[in-house]
């Protein structure tokens, strides 16, 4: 039996209107690819996002 991963991908939007898809359990800080602002920080489990997620992807 193959287990499915518990982590999901999350679509987020930065204040500069850039949308990007990131892993919900990131091990490193998540930065905007356009302006460089920190969008999420790792907590040892799920990522704590500073912006609201737009969509949870499977």
N, C-alpha and C. Protein backbone atom coordinates (compact mmCIF):
# COMPACT_ATOMS: atom_id res chain seq x y z
N UNK A 1 0.84 -1.18 0.00
CA UNK A 1 0.00 0.00 0.00
C UNK A 1 0.88 1.24 0.00
N UNK A 2 0.63 2.13 -0.93
CA UNK A 2 1.42 3.36 -1.06
C UNK A 2 0.70 4.50 -0.35
N UNK A 3 1.43 5.18 0.54
CA UNK A 3 0.84 6.30 1.27
C UNK A 3 0.92 7.57 0.43
N UNK A 4 -0.11 8.40 0.54
CA UNK A 4 -0.09 9.69 -0.14
C UNK A 4 0.61 10.71 0.75
N UNK A 5 1.31 11.67 0.15
CA UNK A 5 1.97 12.69 0.97
C UNK A 5 0.93 13.56 1.67
N UNK A 6 1.26 14.00 2.88
CA UNK A 6 0.32 14.82 3.66
C UNK A 6 0.42 16.29 3.29
N UNK A 7 1.51 16.71 2.66
CA UNK A 7 1.68 18.10 2.27
C UNK A 7 0.92 18.43 0.99
N UNK A 8 0.45 19.66 0.91
CA UNK A 8 -0.28 20.14 -0.26
C UNK A 8 0.45 21.34 -0.83
N UNK A 9 0.15 21.63 -2.09
CA UNK A 9 0.66 22.85 -2.70
C UNK A 9 -0.39 23.94 -2.53
N UNK A 10 0.08 25.18 -2.33
CA UNK A 10 -0.80 26.30 -2.03
C UNK A 10 -0.51 27.43 -3.02
N UNK A 11 -1.58 28.00 -3.60
CA UNK A 11 -1.41 29.17 -4.47
C UNK A 11 -1.61 30.41 -3.61
N UNK A 12 -0.61 31.30 -3.61
CA UNK A 12 -0.67 32.53 -2.82
C UNK A 12 -0.41 33.73 -3.72
N UNK A 13 -0.84 34.90 -3.24
CA UNK A 13 -0.63 36.15 -4.00
C UNK A 13 0.06 37.15 -3.08
N UNK A 14 1.14 37.73 -3.58
CA UNK A 14 1.90 38.74 -2.86
C UNK A 14 1.18 40.08 -2.96
N UNK A 15 1.61 41.04 -2.15
CA UNK A 15 1.05 42.40 -2.21
C UNK A 15 1.33 43.07 -3.55
N UNK A 16 2.37 42.61 -4.26
CA UNK A 16 2.70 43.17 -5.57
C UNK A 16 1.89 42.51 -6.69
N UNK A 17 0.89 41.69 -6.31
CA UNK A 17 -0.04 41.01 -7.22
C UNK A 17 0.56 39.79 -7.93
N UNK A 18 1.77 39.38 -7.56
CA UNK A 18 2.37 38.19 -8.14
C UNK A 18 1.75 36.95 -7.49
N UNK A 19 1.32 36.00 -8.32
CA UNK A 19 0.79 34.73 -7.81
C UNK A 19 1.83 33.64 -8.03
N UNK A 20 2.01 32.79 -7.02
CA UNK A 20 2.92 31.67 -7.17
C UNK A 20 2.42 30.49 -6.35
N UNK A 21 2.87 29.31 -6.74
CA UNK A 21 2.50 28.07 -6.07
C UNK A 21 3.68 27.62 -5.22
N UNK A 22 3.41 27.35 -3.93
CA UNK A 22 4.46 26.94 -3.01
C UNK A 22 3.99 25.70 -2.26
N UNK A 23 4.92 24.99 -1.64
CA UNK A 23 4.61 23.80 -0.86
C UNK A 23 4.14 24.22 0.53
N UNK A 24 3.07 23.62 1.01
CA UNK A 24 2.48 23.98 2.29
C UNK A 24 3.31 23.63 3.50
N UNK A 25 4.34 22.79 3.33
CA UNK A 25 5.23 22.42 4.43
C UNK A 25 6.67 22.76 4.04
N UNK A 26 6.90 23.99 3.67
CA UNK A 26 8.22 24.43 3.22
C UNK A 26 9.23 24.37 4.37
N UNK A 27 10.46 23.99 4.06
CA UNK A 27 11.52 23.89 5.06
C UNK A 27 12.36 25.17 5.11
N UNK A 28 12.19 26.05 4.13
CA UNK A 28 12.93 27.31 4.09
C UNK A 28 11.93 28.45 3.92
N UNK A 29 12.31 29.68 4.27
CA UNK A 29 11.39 30.81 4.10
C UNK A 29 10.97 30.96 2.63
N UNK A 30 9.70 31.33 2.43
CA UNK A 30 9.15 31.51 1.09
C UNK A 30 9.18 33.00 0.76
N UNK A 31 9.85 33.35 -0.35
CA UNK A 31 9.96 34.73 -0.79
C UNK A 31 9.22 34.92 -2.10
N UNK A 32 8.71 36.15 -2.32
CA UNK A 32 8.09 36.49 -3.60
C UNK A 32 9.18 36.51 -4.66
N UNK A 33 8.88 35.94 -5.82
CA UNK A 33 9.87 35.87 -6.89
C UNK A 33 10.04 37.21 -7.61
N UNK A 34 9.11 38.16 -7.40
CA UNK A 34 9.19 39.46 -8.06
C UNK A 34 9.82 40.51 -7.16
N UNK A 35 9.24 40.71 -5.95
CA UNK A 35 9.70 41.79 -5.09
C UNK A 35 10.59 41.31 -3.93
N UNK A 36 10.62 40.01 -3.66
CA UNK A 36 11.49 39.46 -2.62
C UNK A 36 10.92 39.49 -1.21
N UNK A 37 9.67 39.91 -1.05
CA UNK A 37 9.06 39.96 0.28
C UNK A 37 8.86 38.55 0.83
N UNK A 38 9.00 38.38 2.14
CA UNK A 38 8.80 37.08 2.78
C UNK A 38 7.29 36.80 2.83
N UNK A 39 6.87 35.67 2.25
CA UNK A 39 5.47 35.30 2.20
C UNK A 39 5.13 34.20 3.19
N UNK A 40 6.13 33.47 3.66
CA UNK A 40 5.88 32.39 4.60
C UNK A 40 7.15 31.98 5.31
N UNK A 41 6.98 31.50 6.54
CA UNK A 41 8.11 31.04 7.32
C UNK A 41 7.84 29.61 7.80
N UNK A 42 8.87 28.78 7.81
CA UNK A 42 8.68 27.40 8.27
C UNK A 42 8.48 27.36 9.79
N UNK A 43 7.68 26.39 10.24
CA UNK A 43 7.41 26.26 11.68
C UNK A 43 7.75 24.86 12.18
N UNK A 44 8.38 24.05 11.38
CA UNK A 44 8.66 22.67 11.76
C UNK A 44 7.57 21.73 11.28
N UNK A 45 6.52 22.28 10.74
CA UNK A 45 5.39 21.51 10.20
C UNK A 45 4.84 22.30 9.02
N UNK A 46 3.64 22.80 9.17
CA UNK A 46 3.05 23.62 8.12
C UNK A 46 3.70 24.99 8.08
N UNK A 47 3.74 25.58 6.89
CA UNK A 47 4.30 26.91 6.72
C UNK A 47 3.32 27.95 7.24
N UNK A 48 3.82 28.94 7.97
CA UNK A 48 2.98 30.05 8.44
C UNK A 48 3.08 31.15 7.39
N UNK A 49 1.97 31.37 6.66
CA UNK A 49 1.96 32.36 5.59
C UNK A 49 1.59 33.74 6.13
N UNK A 50 2.21 34.78 5.57
CA UNK A 50 1.88 36.15 5.95
C UNK A 50 0.77 36.71 5.06
N UNK A 51 0.41 35.97 4.02
CA UNK A 51 -0.70 36.35 3.12
C UNK A 51 -1.71 35.21 3.13
N UNK A 52 -2.94 35.50 2.74
CA UNK A 52 -3.98 34.47 2.72
C UNK A 52 -3.84 33.60 1.46
N UNK A 53 -3.93 32.28 1.63
CA UNK A 53 -3.88 31.40 0.47
C UNK A 53 -5.09 31.61 -0.46
N UNK A 54 -4.85 31.58 -1.77
CA UNK A 54 -5.94 31.72 -2.74
C UNK A 54 -6.61 30.38 -2.98
N UNK A 55 -5.81 29.31 -3.00
CA UNK A 55 -6.33 28.01 -3.37
C UNK A 55 -5.40 26.91 -2.85
N UNK A 56 -5.98 25.80 -2.41
CA UNK A 56 -5.21 24.63 -2.00
C UNK A 56 -5.26 23.65 -3.17
N UNK A 57 -4.09 23.28 -3.69
CA UNK A 57 -4.00 22.39 -4.84
C UNK A 57 -3.68 20.98 -4.38
N UNK A 58 -4.13 19.99 -5.11
CA UNK A 58 -3.88 18.60 -4.74
C UNK A 58 -2.80 17.98 -5.58
